[in-house]
């Protein structure tokens, strides 16, 4: 719980700075798609960590789980990862402030990769939520689903 709280505080400080830069960029009419994707990813992750801290503090106080809050935190974390991978794909294809155009073939490749990435991530995520026992931590960390999530994250970001 302490680690999640430390990360949450780190993300809050990044959100304060990112919001300030977003405001400055929007005033100068320079708010670009890549920065909006970064800001959306940062916002989803910060809210995800907030919900996770709420869930863990309630669990520590009462011993009762709030599975809906935990599930929403995991979904927002997943969405944050998807947004950040989209940002990385755009930047890797040369999409930036100076060059805001991608070839048709590059666009098709990105769309196909994005759809496959989201579909694979969804299947593995749901597989891990449905088939594995949440109390068996060793099984959840050494399962095929956990290895699939790690592989998908490395494929998307690497």
N, C-alpha and C. Protein backbone atom coordinates (compact mmCIF):
# COMPACT_ATOMS: atom_id res chain seq x y z
N UNK A 1 0.82 -1.18 0.00
CA UNK A 1 0.00 0.00 0.00
C UNK A 1 0.87 1.26 0.00
N UNK A 2 2.02 1.22 0.69
CA UNK A 2 2.88 2.38 0.75
C UNK A 2 3.45 2.71 -0.63
N UNK A 3 3.76 1.68 -1.38
CA UNK A 3 4.29 1.90 -2.73
C UNK A 3 3.24 2.54 -3.62
N UNK A 4 2.01 2.04 -3.55
CA UNK A 4 0.94 2.63 -4.36
C UNK A 4 0.69 4.08 -3.96
N UNK A 5 0.78 4.38 -2.68
CA UNK A 5 0.59 5.76 -2.22
C UNK A 5 1.72 6.65 -2.72
N UNK A 6 2.95 6.14 -2.68
CA UNK A 6 4.09 6.92 -3.18
C UNK A 6 3.96 7.18 -4.68
N UNK A 7 3.56 6.16 -5.43
CA UNK A 7 3.35 6.35 -6.87
C UNK A 7 2.20 7.32 -7.13
N UNK A 8 1.15 7.24 -6.33
CA UNK A 8 0.03 8.17 -6.50
C UNK A 8 0.49 9.60 -6.28
N UNK A 9 1.28 9.84 -5.23
CA UNK A 9 1.78 11.19 -4.98
C UNK A 9 2.69 11.65 -6.11
N UNK A 10 3.50 10.74 -6.64
CA UNK A 10 4.33 11.09 -7.79
C UNK A 10 3.50 11.44 -9.02
N UNK A 11 2.46 10.68 -9.25
CA UNK A 11 1.59 10.97 -10.40
C UNK A 11 0.80 12.27 -10.19
N UNK A 12 0.43 12.58 -8.95
CA UNK A 12 -0.26 13.84 -8.70
C UNK A 12 0.66 15.01 -9.00
N UNK A 13 1.92 14.90 -8.59
CA UNK A 13 2.86 15.99 -8.89
C UNK A 13 3.09 16.11 -10.39
N UNK A 14 3.16 14.98 -11.11
CA UNK A 14 3.28 15.05 -12.57
C UNK A 14 2.03 15.65 -13.20
N UNK A 15 0.86 15.34 -12.63
CA UNK A 15 -0.38 15.90 -13.16
C UNK A 15 -0.43 17.41 -12.99
N UNK A 16 0.07 17.91 -11.86
CA UNK A 16 0.09 19.35 -11.64
C UNK A 16 0.97 20.01 -12.71
N UNK A 17 2.17 19.47 -12.92
CA UNK A 17 3.06 20.03 -13.94
C UNK A 17 2.46 19.88 -15.34
N UNK A 18 1.91 18.72 -15.63
CA UNK A 18 1.36 18.48 -16.97
C UNK A 18 0.15 19.38 -17.23
N UNK A 19 -0.65 19.64 -16.20
CA UNK A 19 -1.80 20.53 -16.37
C UNK A 19 -1.34 21.96 -16.64
N UNK A 20 -0.29 22.36 -15.97
CA UNK A 20 0.26 23.69 -16.21
C UNK A 20 0.77 23.81 -17.64
N UNK A 21 1.53 22.82 -18.10
CA UNK A 21 2.04 22.84 -19.47
C UNK A 21 0.90 22.75 -20.49
N UNK A 22 -0.13 21.97 -20.16
CA UNK A 22 -1.28 21.86 -21.06
C UNK A 22 -1.97 23.22 -21.22
N UNK A 23 -2.10 23.92 -20.11
CA UNK A 23 -2.72 25.24 -20.15
C UNK A 23 -1.90 26.20 -21.01
N UNK A 24 -0.59 26.21 -20.81
CA UNK A 24 0.29 27.09 -21.59
C UNK A 24 0.22 26.74 -23.07
N UNK A 25 0.26 25.45 -23.37
CA UNK A 25 0.20 25.04 -24.77
C UNK A 25 -1.14 25.37 -25.41
N UNK A 26 -2.22 25.23 -24.67
CA UNK A 26 -3.52 25.55 -25.24
C UNK A 26 -3.68 27.06 -25.46
N UNK A 27 -3.08 27.87 -24.59
CA UNK A 27 -3.14 29.33 -24.78
C UNK A 27 -2.39 29.75 -26.04
N UNK A 28 -1.30 29.05 -26.34
CA UNK A 28 -0.51 29.36 -27.53
C UNK A 28 -1.01 28.61 -28.77
N UNK A 29 -2.09 27.85 -28.60
CA UNK A 29 -2.68 27.03 -29.68
C UNK A 29 -1.66 26.02 -30.23
N UNK A 30 -0.91 25.40 -29.31
CA UNK A 30 0.09 24.40 -29.67
C UNK A 30 -0.20 23.04 -29.02
N UNK A 31 -1.41 22.86 -28.52
CA UNK A 31 -1.75 21.60 -27.86
C UNK A 31 -1.92 20.53 -28.93
N UNK A 32 -0.95 19.65 -29.02
CA UNK A 32 -0.87 18.66 -30.08
C UNK A 32 -1.44 17.32 -29.62
N UNK A 33 -1.79 16.47 -30.57
CA UNK A 33 -2.39 15.17 -30.28
C UNK A 33 -1.49 14.31 -29.39
N UNK A 34 -0.19 14.35 -29.62
CA UNK A 34 0.71 13.52 -28.82
C UNK A 34 0.69 13.94 -27.35
N UNK A 35 0.63 15.24 -27.09
CA UNK A 35 0.57 15.69 -25.70
C UNK A 35 -0.77 15.35 -25.08
N UNK A 36 -1.84 15.42 -25.86
CA UNK A 36 -3.16 15.05 -25.32
C UNK A 36 -3.20 13.56 -24.97
N UNK A 37 -2.57 12.72 -25.80
CA UNK A 37 -2.50 11.29 -25.47
C UNK A 37 -1.69 11.06 -24.19
N UNK A 38 -0.57 11.78 -24.08
CA UNK A 38 0.25 11.66 -22.87
C UNK A 38 -0.54 12.10 -21.65
N UNK A 39 -1.24 13.22 -21.75
CA UNK A 39 -2.01 13.75 -20.64
C UNK A 39 -3.15 12.79 -20.27
N UNK A 40 -3.82 12.23 -21.27
CA UNK A 40 -4.88 11.25 -21.00
C UNK A 40 -4.35 10.01 -20.31
N UNK A 41 -3.19 9.54 -20.75
CA UNK A 41 -2.57 8.38 -20.12
C UNK A 41 -2.21 8.69 -18.67
N UNK A 42 -1.65 9.86 -18.45
CA UNK A 42 -1.26 10.27 -17.10
C UNK A 42 -2.49 10.40 -16.20
N UNK A 43 -3.56 10.98 -16.72
CA UNK A 43 -4.79 11.15 -15.95
C UNK A 43 -5.41 9.80 -15.59
N UNK A 44 -5.47 8.89 -16.56
CA UNK A 44 -6.04 7.55 -16.29
C UNK A 44 -5.24 6.82 -15.24
N UNK A 45 -3.92 6.91 -15.32
CA UNK A 45 -3.07 6.22 -14.35
C UNK A 45 -3.21 6.83 -12.95
N UNK A 46 -3.30 8.16 -12.87
CA UNK A 46 -3.45 8.81 -11.57
C UNK A 46 -4.79 8.44 -10.93
N UNK A 47 -5.86 8.44 -11.71
CA UNK A 47 -7.17 8.06 -11.16
C UNK A 47 -7.17 6.58 -10.78
N UNK A 48 -6.49 5.77 -11.58
CA UNK A 48 -6.36 4.35 -11.26
C UNK A 48 -5.67 4.14 -9.92
N UNK A 49 -4.58 4.87 -9.70
CA UNK A 49 -3.87 4.75 -8.43
C UNK A 49 -4.70 5.29 -7.26
N UNK A 50 -5.48 6.35 -7.50
CA UNK A 50 -6.36 6.86 -6.46
C UNK A 50 -7.39 5.80 -6.07
N UNK A 51 -8.02 5.18 -7.05
CA UNK A 51 -9.01 4.14 -6.76
C UNK A 51 -8.38 2.94 -6.07
N UNK A 52 -7.17 2.58 -6.50
CA UNK A 52 -6.48 1.46 -5.87
C UNK A 52 -6.14 1.77 -4.41
N UNK A 53 -5.73 3.00 -4.13
CA UNK A 53 -5.44 3.39 -2.75
C UNK A 53 -6.71 3.42 -1.91
N UNK A 54 -7.82 3.86 -2.48
CA UNK A 54 -9.10 3.82 -1.77
C UNK A 54 -9.47 2.38 -1.42
N UNK A 55 -9.32 1.50 -2.41
CA UNK A 55 -9.64 0.09 -2.19
C UNK A 55 -8.74 -0.51 -1.11
N UNK A 56 -7.44 -0.26 -1.19
CA UNK A 56 -6.51 -0.86 -0.23
C UNK A 56 -6.68 -0.30 1.17
N UNK A 57 -6.98 1.00 1.28
CA UNK A 57 -7.18 1.56 2.63
C UNK A 57 -8.46 1.02 3.26
N UNK A 58 -9.50 0.85 2.46
CA UNK A 58 -10.74 0.26 2.99
C UNK A 58 -10.51 -1.19 3.39
N UNK A 59 -9.76 -1.91 2.57
CA UNK A 59 -9.46 -3.30 2.88
C UNK A 59 -8.62 -3.40 4.16
N UNK A 60 -7.68 -2.46 4.34
CA UNK A 60 -6.85 -2.49 5.54
C UNK A 60 -7.66 -2.16 6.79
N UNK A 61 -8.64 -1.26 6.67
CA UNK A 61 -9.45 -0.87 7.83
C UNK A 61 -10.49 -1.91 8.19
N UNK A 62 -11.22 -2.40 7.19
CA UNK A 62 -12.38 -3.25 7.49
C UNK A 62 -12.19 -4.72 7.12
N UNK A 63 -11.26 -5.00 6.22
CA UNK A 63 -11.09 -6.37 5.77
C UNK A 63 -12.03 -6.75 4.65
N UNK A 64 -12.85 -5.78 4.19
CA UNK A 64 -13.80 -6.03 3.11
C UNK A 64 -13.24 -5.48 1.80
N UNK A 65 -13.37 -6.26 0.76
CA UNK A 65 -12.92 -5.83 -0.56
C UNK A 65 -14.01 -5.07 -1.28
N UNK A 66 -13.60 -4.08 -2.06
CA UNK A 66 -14.52 -3.36 -2.95
C UNK A 66 -14.11 -3.77 -4.36
N UNK A 67 -14.66 -4.86 -4.84
CA UNK A 67 -14.20 -5.41 -6.11
C UNK A 67 -14.50 -4.49 -7.28
N UNK A 68 -15.59 -3.74 -7.23
CA UNK A 68 -15.91 -2.83 -8.33
C UNK A 68 -14.89 -1.71 -8.44
N UNK A 69 -14.45 -1.20 -7.30
CA UNK A 69 -13.43 -0.14 -7.32
C UNK A 69 -12.10 -0.70 -7.81
N UNK A 70 -11.77 -1.90 -7.36
CA UNK A 70 -10.53 -2.53 -7.80
C UNK A 70 -10.58 -2.82 -9.30
N UNK A 71 -11.71 -3.31 -9.79
CA UNK A 71 -11.85 -3.57 -11.22
C UNK A 71 -11.75 -2.29 -12.03
N UNK A 72 -12.38 -1.22 -11.55
CA UNK A 72 -12.30 0.07 -12.25
C UNK A 72 -10.87 0.59 -12.27
N UNK A 73 -10.15 0.40 -11.18
CA UNK A 73 -8.74 0.82 -11.13
C UNK A 73 -7.91 0.04 -12.16
N UNK A 74 -8.17 -1.25 -12.27
CA UNK A 74 -7.43 -2.06 -13.24
C UNK A 74 -7.80 -1.69 -14.67
N UNK A 75 -9.06 -1.38 -14.92
CA UNK A 75 -9.49 -0.98 -16.26
C UNK A 75 -8.86 0.36 -16.64
N UNK A 76 -8.82 1.31 -15.70
CA UNK A 76 -8.19 2.60 -15.99
C UNK A 76 -6.69 2.46 -16.20
N UNK A 77 -6.06 1.57 -15.45
CA UNK A 77 -4.64 1.31 -15.66
C UNK A 77 -4.41 0.71 -17.04
N UNK A 78 -5.29 -0.19 -17.43
CA UNK A 78 -5.23 -0.80 -18.76
C UNK A 78 -5.41 0.27 -19.84
N UNK A 79 -6.37 1.16 -19.65
CA UNK A 79 -6.60 2.24 -20.61
C UNK A 79 -5.41 3.17 -20.69
N UNK A 80 -4.78 3.43 -19.56
CA UNK A 80 -3.57 4.26 -19.54
C UNK A 80 -2.46 3.62 -20.37
N UNK A 81 -2.32 2.33 -20.24
CA UNK A 81 -1.30 1.61 -21.02
C UNK A 81 -1.62 1.69 -22.51
N UNK A 82 -2.88 1.51 -22.87
CA UNK A 82 -3.28 1.58 -24.28
C UNK A 82 -3.01 2.96 -24.85
N UNK A 83 -3.34 4.01 -24.11
CA UNK A 83 -3.10 5.37 -24.59
C UNK A 83 -1.60 5.64 -24.75
N UNK A 84 -0.81 5.17 -23.79
CA UNK A 84 0.63 5.41 -23.87
C UNK A 84 1.27 4.63 -25.02
N UNK A 85 0.81 3.41 -25.25
CA UNK A 85 1.33 2.63 -26.38
C UNK A 85 0.93 3.30 -27.70
N UNK A 86 -0.27 3.86 -27.76
CA UNK A 86 -0.69 4.60 -28.96
C UNK A 86 0.22 5.80 -29.19
N UNK A 87 0.56 6.50 -28.12
CA UNK A 87 1.48 7.62 -28.23
C UNK A 87 2.84 7.17 -28.75
N UNK A 88 3.34 6.08 -28.21
CA UNK A 88 4.64 5.57 -28.66
C UNK A 88 4.60 5.14 -30.12
N UNK A 89 3.49 4.54 -30.54
CA UNK A 89 3.36 4.15 -31.95
C UNK A 89 3.36 5.37 -32.86
N UNK A 90 2.63 6.40 -32.48
CA UNK A 90 2.60 7.61 -33.29
C UNK A 90 3.98 8.25 -33.40
N UNK A 91 4.67 8.34 -32.30
CA UNK A 91 6.00 8.95 -32.32
C UNK A 91 6.98 8.07 -33.11
N UNK A 92 6.86 6.75 -33.00
CA UNK A 92 7.77 5.86 -33.73
C UNK A 92 7.54 5.93 -35.24
N UNK A 93 6.33 6.27 -35.66
CA UNK A 93 6.05 6.40 -37.09
C UNK A 93 6.38 7.80 -37.61
N UNK A 94 6.92 8.67 -36.76
CA UNK A 94 7.32 9.99 -37.19
C UNK A 94 6.28 11.06 -37.04
N UNK A 95 5.19 10.74 -36.37
CA UNK A 95 4.14 11.73 -36.16
C UNK A 95 4.55 12.64 -35.01
N UNK A 96 4.73 13.90 -35.29
CA UNK A 96 5.13 14.85 -34.25
C UNK A 96 4.54 16.21 -34.56
N UNK A 97 5.00 17.21 -33.87
CA UNK A 97 4.50 18.56 -34.07
C UNK A 97 4.92 19.07 -35.45
N UNK A 98 6.13 18.73 -35.86
CA UNK A 98 6.62 19.23 -37.15
C UNK A 98 6.10 18.43 -38.33
N UNK A 99 5.81 17.16 -38.13
CA UNK A 99 5.32 16.31 -39.21
C UNK A 99 4.05 15.61 -38.75
N UNK A 100 2.92 16.17 -39.09
CA UNK A 100 1.64 15.65 -38.61
C UNK A 100 0.95 14.81 -39.69
N UNK A 101 1.72 14.01 -40.38
CA UNK A 101 1.15 13.19 -41.45
C UNK A 101 1.83 11.82 -41.44
N UNK A 102 1.02 10.80 -41.59
CA UNK A 102 1.54 9.43 -41.68
C UNK A 102 1.03 8.84 -42.98
N UNK A 103 1.88 8.04 -43.61
CA UNK A 103 1.48 7.44 -44.89
C UNK A 103 0.30 6.49 -44.69
N UNK A 104 -0.37 6.15 -45.77
CA UNK A 104 -1.53 5.26 -45.71
C UNK A 104 -1.13 3.88 -45.20
N UNK A 105 0.00 3.37 -45.69
CA UNK A 105 0.47 2.07 -45.24
C UNK A 105 0.81 2.10 -43.74
N UNK A 106 1.45 3.18 -43.30
CA UNK A 106 1.76 3.33 -41.88
C UNK A 106 0.51 3.39 -41.02
N UNK A 107 -0.51 4.07 -41.52
CA UNK A 107 -1.78 4.17 -40.80
C UNK A 107 -2.44 2.81 -40.68
N UNK A 108 -2.44 2.05 -41.77
CA UNK A 108 -3.05 0.72 -41.75
C UNK A 108 -2.29 -0.19 -40.79
N UNK A 109 -0.96 -0.14 -40.82
CA UNK A 109 -0.16 -0.97 -39.91
C UNK A 109 -0.46 -0.62 -38.45
N UNK A 110 -0.56 0.69 -38.17
CA UNK A 110 -0.83 1.10 -36.80
C UNK A 110 -2.22 0.67 -36.33
N UNK A 111 -3.19 0.77 -37.21
CA UNK A 111 -4.56 0.37 -36.84
C UNK A 111 -4.62 -1.13 -36.58
N UNK A 112 -4.00 -1.91 -37.47
CA UNK A 112 -4.00 -3.37 -37.29
C UNK A 112 -3.27 -3.75 -36.01
N UNK A 113 -2.09 -3.17 -35.79
CA UNK A 113 -1.34 -3.47 -34.57
C UNK A 113 -2.13 -3.06 -33.34
N UNK A 114 -2.76 -1.88 -33.39
CA UNK A 114 -3.55 -1.41 -32.25
C UNK A 114 -4.72 -2.32 -31.94
N UNK A 115 -5.42 -2.76 -32.96
CA UNK A 115 -6.56 -3.66 -32.74
C UNK A 115 -6.12 -5.02 -32.19
N UNK A 116 -5.04 -5.56 -32.74
CA UNK A 116 -4.52 -6.83 -32.24
C UNK A 116 -4.04 -6.68 -30.80
N UNK A 117 -3.36 -5.56 -30.52
CA UNK A 117 -2.86 -5.30 -29.17
C UNK A 117 -4.01 -5.21 -28.17
N UNK A 118 -5.04 -4.44 -28.50
CA UNK A 118 -6.18 -4.28 -27.59
C UNK A 118 -6.92 -5.61 -27.42
N UNK A 119 -7.11 -6.34 -28.50
CA UNK A 119 -7.82 -7.63 -28.42
C UNK A 119 -7.02 -8.63 -27.57
N UNK A 120 -5.72 -8.72 -27.81
CA UNK A 120 -4.90 -9.66 -27.03
C UNK A 120 -4.86 -9.25 -25.56
N UNK A 121 -4.72 -7.98 -25.29
CA UNK A 121 -4.68 -7.50 -23.91
C UNK A 121 -6.00 -7.78 -23.21
N UNK A 122 -7.11 -7.58 -23.92
CA UNK A 122 -8.43 -7.84 -23.33
C UNK A 122 -8.61 -9.32 -23.03
N UNK A 123 -8.24 -10.18 -23.97
CA UNK A 123 -8.40 -11.62 -23.77
C UNK A 123 -7.55 -12.10 -22.59
N UNK A 124 -6.31 -11.67 -22.53
CA UNK A 124 -5.43 -12.12 -21.45
C UNK A 124 -5.89 -11.54 -20.11
N UNK A 125 -6.31 -10.28 -20.11
CA UNK A 125 -6.78 -9.63 -18.89
C UNK A 125 -8.02 -10.34 -18.35
N UNK A 126 -8.99 -10.61 -19.22
CA UNK A 126 -10.21 -11.30 -18.78
C UNK A 126 -9.91 -12.74 -18.38
N UNK A 127 -8.99 -13.39 -19.08
CA UNK A 127 -8.58 -14.74 -18.73
C UNK A 127 -8.01 -14.76 -17.32
N UNK A 128 -7.18 -13.77 -17.01
CA UNK A 128 -6.59 -13.71 -15.68
C UNK A 128 -7.63 -13.41 -14.61
N UNK A 129 -8.62 -12.58 -14.90
CA UNK A 129 -9.65 -12.23 -13.93
C UNK A 129 -10.63 -13.37 -13.69
N UNK A 130 -10.94 -14.16 -14.73
CA UNK A 130 -11.97 -15.19 -14.61
C UNK A 130 -11.40 -16.52 -14.13
N UNK A 131 -10.26 -16.93 -14.67
CA UNK A 131 -9.76 -18.27 -14.40
C UNK A 131 -8.90 -18.40 -13.15
N UNK A 132 -8.29 -17.31 -12.70
CA UNK A 132 -7.36 -17.42 -11.58
C UNK A 132 -8.00 -16.99 -10.27
N UNK A 133 -7.59 -17.64 -9.21
CA UNK A 133 -8.06 -17.31 -7.87
C UNK A 133 -7.28 -16.10 -7.37
N UNK A 134 -7.95 -15.00 -6.98
CA UNK A 134 -7.22 -13.81 -6.54
C UNK A 134 -6.41 -14.02 -5.25
N UNK A 135 -6.77 -15.03 -4.44
CA UNK A 135 -6.02 -15.29 -3.21
C UNK A 135 -4.72 -16.05 -3.47
N UNK A 136 -4.62 -16.74 -4.58
CA UNK A 136 -3.42 -17.50 -4.90
C UNK A 136 -2.46 -16.61 -5.69
N UNK A 137 -1.65 -15.85 -4.98
CA UNK A 137 -0.78 -14.85 -5.60
C UNK A 137 0.31 -15.51 -6.44
N UNK A 138 0.87 -16.60 -5.97
CA UNK A 138 1.95 -17.26 -6.71
C UNK A 138 1.43 -17.77 -8.05
N UNK A 139 0.25 -18.35 -8.05
CA UNK A 139 -0.33 -18.84 -9.31
C UNK A 139 -0.63 -17.69 -10.26
N UNK A 140 -1.10 -16.56 -9.71
CA UNK A 140 -1.42 -15.43 -10.59
C UNK A 140 -0.18 -14.78 -11.17
N UNK A 141 0.95 -14.88 -10.49
CA UNK A 141 2.19 -14.29 -10.99
C UNK A 141 2.96 -15.23 -11.92
N UNK A 142 2.73 -16.52 -11.81
CA UNK A 142 3.47 -17.49 -12.63
C UNK A 142 2.60 -18.14 -13.70
N UNK A 143 1.39 -17.65 -13.88
CA UNK A 143 0.48 -18.28 -14.85
C UNK A 143 0.81 -17.84 -16.27
N UNK A 144 0.17 -18.50 -17.20
CA UNK A 144 0.31 -18.15 -18.61
C UNK A 144 -0.27 -16.76 -18.87
N UNK A 145 -1.34 -16.41 -18.15
CA UNK A 145 -1.95 -15.09 -18.31
C UNK A 145 -0.99 -13.98 -17.90
N UNK A 146 -0.28 -14.17 -16.79
CA UNK A 146 0.68 -13.15 -16.35
C UNK A 146 1.81 -13.02 -17.35
N UNK A 147 2.28 -14.15 -17.85
CA UNK A 147 3.34 -14.10 -18.87
C UNK A 147 2.82 -13.45 -20.14
N UNK A 148 1.56 -13.70 -20.48
CA UNK A 148 0.97 -13.07 -21.66
C UNK A 148 0.87 -11.56 -21.51
N UNK A 149 0.45 -11.09 -20.32
CA UNK A 149 0.38 -9.64 -20.09
C UNK A 149 1.76 -9.00 -20.18
N UNK A 150 2.75 -9.64 -19.61
CA UNK A 150 4.11 -9.10 -19.68
C UNK A 150 4.60 -9.09 -21.12
N UNK A 151 4.35 -10.17 -21.86
CA UNK A 151 4.76 -10.22 -23.26
C UNK A 151 4.07 -9.17 -24.11
N UNK A 152 2.79 -8.96 -23.87
CA UNK A 152 2.04 -7.96 -24.62
C UNK A 152 2.57 -6.56 -24.32
N UNK A 153 2.87 -6.29 -23.04
CA UNK A 153 3.42 -4.98 -22.69
C UNK A 153 4.79 -4.76 -23.33
N UNK A 154 5.63 -5.78 -23.34
CA UNK A 154 6.94 -5.64 -23.98
C UNK A 154 6.81 -5.48 -25.49
N UNK A 155 5.86 -6.17 -26.09
CA UNK A 155 5.66 -6.05 -27.54
C UNK A 155 5.18 -4.66 -27.90
N UNK A 156 4.29 -4.12 -27.10
CA UNK A 156 3.74 -2.80 -27.40
C UNK A 156 4.72 -1.67 -27.15
N UNK A 157 5.49 -1.76 -26.09
CA UNK A 157 6.40 -0.67 -25.72
C UNK A 157 7.79 -0.85 -26.28
N UNK A 158 8.13 -2.07 -26.66
CA UNK A 158 9.50 -2.34 -27.09
C UNK A 158 9.75 -2.09 -28.53
